Amino acid sequence: MNLLIAPFVNALFGLYYLVGNFGWAVILVTLAIRLILLPLVWPSLKSASKIRELQPKLNKLKEKYGKDKQAMAKAQMELYKQEGVNPLSGCLPQILQIVVLLLFFSAFNMVTGFKGTTKGSVEQINAQLIPSFRVDESFKFNLDFFGSDLSMTPANVFKGGVNLNLILPIILLLGSGVLQYLSAKLMMPNPKADKTIIEATKDKEDDMMSAMRTQSMYMMPAMTIFIGWNFSLGLLLYWFTTSALMIGQQVLVNKVNKK
């Protein structure tokens, strides 16, 4: 048994048995993952929200110290310390989320690639499952979700021409890009404040950083759609649900910080 992948495989099978639909099983597993990670992710979200709120104070420091980068860095760290903000708190949760995504990716491919017609395939999947979830050669997964096969990619679905099966791929593909954009926008400094400090300092580095932030806000959604084109619909469903939940968490953190 692969101790890292097995929990995800068991969760997918267990929830599939419970709700009888693989799409809802993926959504419920995603929700469970976000709830489990929440205690680790919350400090990161809180810190990011706090830094965004501190942008006016950071802008004043920029105006005060100008091109003195050393003095600016020292003053910035002192401000973070006074406000109880750890700018590095987001590193570990982000790495952890990437690891979870890769593990889910492996588990999902194992589950959707399962063919109950061969003894070897049954033994391979049963090696990951707890005794009560194990299957025999007659077991077949129903991967249909709102008329679409979750093991297929948008690229494959679109090859079939215009039909109702395109609805889910379009929603998941474009929706994931939109949610990625909204998530990035929530994390961005106030655009007006950003513009004010750039005009005040006349620093090329500030211009470049602002441009990079703006570009990333549009590039990441575009990359999500580009990469998602060849992802299975089940993985896109996971990413879509994760993005929606992350936005919900960030909005909640922002409200808590304001209070």
Protein backbone atom coordinates (compact mmCIF):
# COMPACT_ATOMS: atom_id res chain seq x y z
CA MET A 1 0.00 0.00 0.00
CA ASN A 2 1.21 3.49 -0.89
CA LEU A 3 0.71 5.31 2.41
CA LEU A 4 0.59 8.71 0.71
CA ILE A 5 -1.88 7.92 -2.08
CA ALA A 6 -4.03 5.34 -0.28
CA PRO A 7 -6.00 7.88 1.87
CA PHE A 8 -7.13 9.73 -1.27
CA VAL A 9 -8.03 6.49 -3.08
CA ASN A 10 -10.04 5.28 -0.07
CA ALA A 11 -11.77 8.64 0.26
CA LEU A 12 -12.81 8.59 -3.41
CA PHE A 13 -14.10 5.02 -3.19
CA GLY A 14 -15.80 5.54 0.18
CA LEU A 15 -17.66 8.67 -0.90
CA TYR A 16 -18.52 7.07 -4.25
CA TYR A 17 -20.17 4.20 -2.36
CA LEU A 18 -21.95 6.76 -0.14
CA VAL A 19 -23.35 9.16 -2.77
CA GLY A 20 -23.31 6.91 -5.84
CA ASN A 21 -21.81 9.59 -8.07
CA PHE A 22 -18.10 10.06 -8.77
CA GLY A 23 -18.39 13.80 -9.46
CA TRP A 24 -19.96 14.49 -6.07
CA ALA A 25 -17.39 12.20 -4.50
CA VAL A 26 -14.60 14.39 -5.96
CA ILE A 27 -16.31 17.55 -4.65
CA LEU A 28 -16.74 16.07 -1.16
CA VAL A 29 -13.11 14.88 -1.06
CA THR A 30 -12.00 18.36 -2.10
CA LEU A 31 -14.10 19.90 0.66
CA ALA A 32 -12.64 17.47 3.21
CA ILE A 33 -9.09 18.31 2.06
CA ARG A 34 -9.72 22.05 2.44
CA LEU A 35 -11.16 21.55 5.93
CA ILE A 36 -8.19 19.43 7.00
CA LEU A 37 -5.71 21.97 5.62
CA LEU A 38 -7.58 24.98 7.03
CA PRO A 39 -5.71 25.15 10.38
CA LEU A 40 -2.42 25.23 8.44
CA VAL A 41 -3.61 27.56 5.68
CA TRP A 42 -5.48 30.03 7.91
CA PRO A 43 -2.34 31.79 9.29
CA SER A 44 -1.07 32.19 5.73
CA LEU A 45 -4.36 33.68 4.53
CA LYS A 46 -4.53 35.92 7.58
CA SER A 47 -0.98 37.16 7.01
CA ALA A 48 -1.64 37.86 3.31
CA SER A 49 -4.80 39.77 4.18
CA LYS A 50 -2.98 41.77 6.83
CA ILE A 51 -0.16 42.69 4.45
CA ARG A 52 -2.75 43.90 1.93
CA GLU A 53 -4.32 46.09 4.64
CA LEU A 54 -0.88 47.45 5.56
CA GLN A 55 -0.28 48.67 2.00
CA PRO A 56 -0.98 52.36 2.85
CA LYS A 57 1.58 52.21 5.68
CA LEU A 58 4.08 50.46 3.41
CA ASN A 59 3.52 53.18 0.82
CA LYS A 60 4.33 55.85 3.40
CA LEU A 61 7.56 54.03 4.22
CA LYS A 62 8.39 54.00 0.51
CA GLU A 63 7.81 57.74 0.33
CA LYS A 64 9.92 58.29 3.46
CA TYR A 65 12.94 56.18 2.54
CA GLY A 66 12.82 56.47 -1.25
CA LYS A 67 15.70 54.57 -2.84
CA ASP A 68 17.35 53.62 0.46
CA LYS A 69 16.53 49.91 0.13
CA GLN A 70 18.34 48.86 3.31
CA ALA A 71 16.50 51.37 5.50
CA MET A 72 13.23 50.51 3.77
CA ALA A 73 13.68 46.78 4.39
CA LYS A 74 14.48 47.38 8.06
CA ALA A 75 11.47 49.67 8.53
CA GLN A 76 9.23 47.19 6.72
CA MET A 77 10.31 44.30 8.95
CA GLU A 78 9.72 46.47 12.03
CA LEU A 79 6.23 47.29 10.78
CA TYR A 80 5.49 43.59 10.21
CA LYS A 81 6.75 42.82 13.73
CA GLN A 82 4.57 45.54 15.27
CA GLU A 83 1.50 44.30 13.40
CA GLY A 84 2.22 40.62 14.16
CA VAL A 85 2.67 39.70 10.51
CA ASN A 86 5.01 36.96 9.30
CA PRO A 87 5.63 37.47 5.55
CA LEU A 88 7.14 33.97 5.29
CA SER A 89 4.13 32.22 6.84
CA GLY A 90 2.67 31.45 3.42
CA CYS A 91 5.56 29.30 2.17
CA LEU A 92 4.85 26.01 3.96
CA PRO A 93 1.06 25.98 3.33
CA GLN A 94 1.64 26.69 -0.37
CA ILE A 95 4.14 23.84 -0.66
CA LEU A 96 1.77 21.55 1.25
CA GLN A 97 -1.11 22.39 -1.10
CA ILE A 98 1.05 21.56 -4.13
CA VAL A 99 2.00 18.21 -2.55
CA VAL A 100 -1.68 17.45 -1.86
CA LEU A 101 -2.56 18.35 -5.46
CA LEU A 102 0.10 15.95 -6.80
CA LEU A 103 -1.07 13.15 -4.49
CA PHE A 104 -4.70 13.68 -5.47
CA PHE A 105 -3.63 13.73 -9.13
CA SER A 106 -1.96 10.31 -8.71
CA ALA A 107 -4.90 8.87 -6.76
CA PHE A 108 -7.44 10.17 -9.25
CA ASN A 109 -5.55 8.72 -12.21
CA MET A 110 -5.30 5.37 -10.42
CA VAL A 111 -9.03 5.33 -9.69
CA THR A 112 -10.22 6.48 -13.14
CA GLY A 113 -7.70 4.20 -14.84
CA PHE A 114 -9.05 1.19 -12.95
CA LYS A 115 -10.27 -1.58 -15.25
CA GLY A 116 -12.12 -4.27 -13.37
CA THR A 117 -11.81 -6.74 -16.22
CA THR A 118 -8.26 -7.83 -15.35
CA LYS A 119 -7.07 -9.59 -12.22
CA GLY A 120 -3.89 -7.52 -12.05
CA SER A 121 -5.82 -4.25 -12.10
CA VAL A 122 -8.13 -5.45 -9.32
CA GLU A 123 -5.18 -6.52 -7.17
CA GLN A 124 -3.46 -3.18 -7.74
CA ILE A 125 -6.45 -1.12 -6.65
CA ASN A 126 -7.30 -3.44 -3.74
CA ALA A 127 -3.76 -3.02 -2.45
CA GLN A 128 -4.64 0.64 -1.77
CA LEU A 129 -8.09 0.00 -0.28
CA ILE A 130 -9.17 -0.93 3.22
CA PRO A 131 -10.91 -4.38 3.38
CA SER A 132 -14.48 -3.02 3.41
CA PHE A 133 -13.88 -0.99 0.21
CA ARG A 134 -12.21 -3.70 -1.88
CA VAL A 135 -13.70 -4.70 -5.24
CA ASP A 136 -13.84 -7.70 -7.57
CA GLU A 137 -13.52 -8.00 -11.34
CA SER A 138 -17.23 -7.23 -11.87
CA PHE A 139 -16.96 -3.74 -10.32
CA LYS A 140 -17.35 -0.80 -12.71
CA PHE A 141 -17.06 2.89 -11.95
CA ASN A 142 -19.72 5.24 -13.26
CA LEU A 143 -17.70 8.33 -14.22
CA ASP A 144 -20.65 10.23 -15.69
CA PHE A 145 -21.25 13.68 -14.17
CA PHE A 146 -23.92 15.91 -15.73
CA GLY A 147 -23.56 14.06 -19.01
CA SER A 148 -19.75 14.15 -19.18
CA ASP A 149 -17.16 11.44 -18.57
CA LEU A 150 -14.84 12.73 -15.83
CA SER A 151 -11.92 10.71 -17.18
CA MET A 152 -11.97 12.65 -20.47
CA THR A 153 -10.15 15.92 -21.16
CA PRO A 154 -11.79 19.06 -22.61
CA ALA A 155 -9.63 18.54 -25.71
CA ASN A 156 -11.18 15.10 -26.26
CA VAL A 157 -14.72 16.31 -25.56
CA PHE A 158 -14.42 19.20 -28.04
CA LYS A 159 -13.33 16.78 -30.77
CA GLY A 160 -16.86 15.39 -30.71
CA GLY A 161 -18.29 18.64 -32.06
CA VAL A 162 -20.89 20.99 -30.57
CA ASN A 163 -23.23 19.15 -28.20
CA LEU A 164 -24.61 19.28 -24.65
CA ASN A 165 -21.57 17.38 -23.35
CA LEU A 166 -19.56 20.59 -23.82
CA ILE A 167 -21.42 22.43 -21.05
CA LEU A 168 -19.50 20.94 -18.11
CA PRO A 169 -16.03 21.22 -19.74
CA ILE A 170 -16.69 24.89 -20.60
CA ILE A 171 -17.90 25.69 -17.08
CA LEU A 172 -14.95 23.92 -15.42
CA LEU A 173 -12.30 25.23 -17.81
CA LEU A 174 -13.36 28.87 -18.02
CA GLY A 175 -14.67 28.88 -14.46
CA SER A 176 -11.31 27.74 -13.11
CA GLY A 177 -9.64 30.61 -14.96
CA VAL A 178 -12.14 33.16 -13.63
CA LEU A 179 -11.80 31.88 -10.06
CA GLN A 180 -8.00 32.02 -10.37
CA TYR A 181 -8.30 35.66 -11.46
CA LEU A 182 -10.62 36.54 -8.57
CA SER A 183 -8.30 34.80 -6.10
CA ALA A 184 -5.29 36.76 -7.41
CA LYS A 185 -7.26 40.02 -7.28
CA LEU A 186 -8.19 39.42 -3.65
CA MET A 187 -4.48 39.07 -2.80
CA MET A 188 -3.40 42.14 -4.79
CA PRO A 189 -2.66 45.49 -3.14
CA ASN A 190 -5.18 48.26 -3.68
CA PRO A 191 -4.60 49.40 -7.32
CA LYS A 192 -5.03 53.09 -6.43
CA ALA A 193 -2.55 52.83 -3.56
CA ASP A 194 -0.13 50.97 -5.82
CA LYS A 195 -0.37 53.71 -8.45
CA THR A 196 0.10 56.46 -5.84
CA ILE A 197 3.36 55.07 -4.51
CA ILE A 198 4.74 54.47 -8.01
CA GLU A 199 4.06 58.11 -8.92
CA ALA A 200 5.50 59.32 -5.61
CA THR A 201 8.76 57.35 -5.71
CA LYS A 202 9.43 57.38 -9.47
CA ASP A 203 11.33 54.13 -8.93
CA LYS A 204 11.73 51.82 -11.95
CA GLU A 205 11.77 48.83 -9.59
CA ASP A 206 8.33 49.80 -8.27
CA ASP A 207 7.08 50.13 -11.85
CA MET A 208 8.41 46.67 -12.66
CA MET A 209 6.94 45.04 -9.52
CA SER A 210 3.54 46.59 -10.17
CA ALA A 211 3.65 45.44 -13.79
CA MET A 212 4.61 41.91 -12.70
CA ARG A 213 1.72 41.79 -10.22
CA THR A 214 -0.71 42.94 -12.91
CA GLN A 215 0.65 40.45 -15.45
CA SER A 216 0.47 37.56 -12.98
CA MET A 217 -3.16 38.40 -12.29
CA TYR A 218 -3.94 37.70 -15.94
CA MET A 219 -1.24 35.14 -16.73
CA MET A 220 -2.22 32.64 -14.04
CA PRO A 221 -5.86 32.32 -15.24
CA ALA A 222 -4.59 31.96 -18.82
CA MET A 223 -2.13 29.26 -17.72
CA THR A 224 -4.89 27.50 -15.79
CA ILE A 225 -7.05 27.32 -18.91
CA PHE A 226 -4.11 26.30 -21.12
CA ILE A 227 -2.96 23.49 -18.80
CA GLY A 228 -6.53 22.47 -17.96
CA TRP A 229 -7.24 21.85 -21.66
CA ASN A 230 -5.42 18.52 -21.36
CA PHE A 231 -6.46 17.72 -17.76
CA SER A 232 -9.23 15.24 -17.13
CA LEU A 233 -12.58 16.77 -16.20
CA GLY A 234 -12.36 15.14 -12.76
CA LEU A 235 -9.12 16.97 -12.00
CA LEU A 236 -10.60 20.20 -13.35
CA LEU A 237 -13.57 19.65 -11.04
CA TYR A 238 -11.14 19.30 -8.13
CA TRP A 239 -9.29 22.49 -9.14
CA PHE A 240 -12.53 24.42 -9.72
CA THR A 241 -13.90 23.41 -6.30
CA THR A 242 -10.57 24.12 -4.58
CA SER A 243 -10.38 27.60 -6.16
CA ALA A 244 -13.95 28.41 -5.10
CA LEU A 245 -13.29 27.28 -1.53
CA MET A 246 -10.01 29.23 -1.38
CA ILE A 247 -11.81 32.42 -2.41
CA GLY A 248 -14.44 31.78 0.25
CA GLN A 249 -11.72 31.31 2.87
CA GLN A 250 -9.89 34.48 1.79
CA VAL A 251 -13.11 36.55 1.90
CA LEU A 252 -13.82 35.19 5.39
CA VAL A 253 -10.29 36.02 6.57
CA ASN A 254 -10.56 39.55 5.16
CA LYS A 255 -13.81 40.12 7.08
CA VAL A 256 -12.31 38.73 10.29
CA ASN A 257 -9.24 40.99 9.95
CA LYS A 258 -11.39 44.06 9.38
CA LYS A 259 -13.36 43.32 12.55
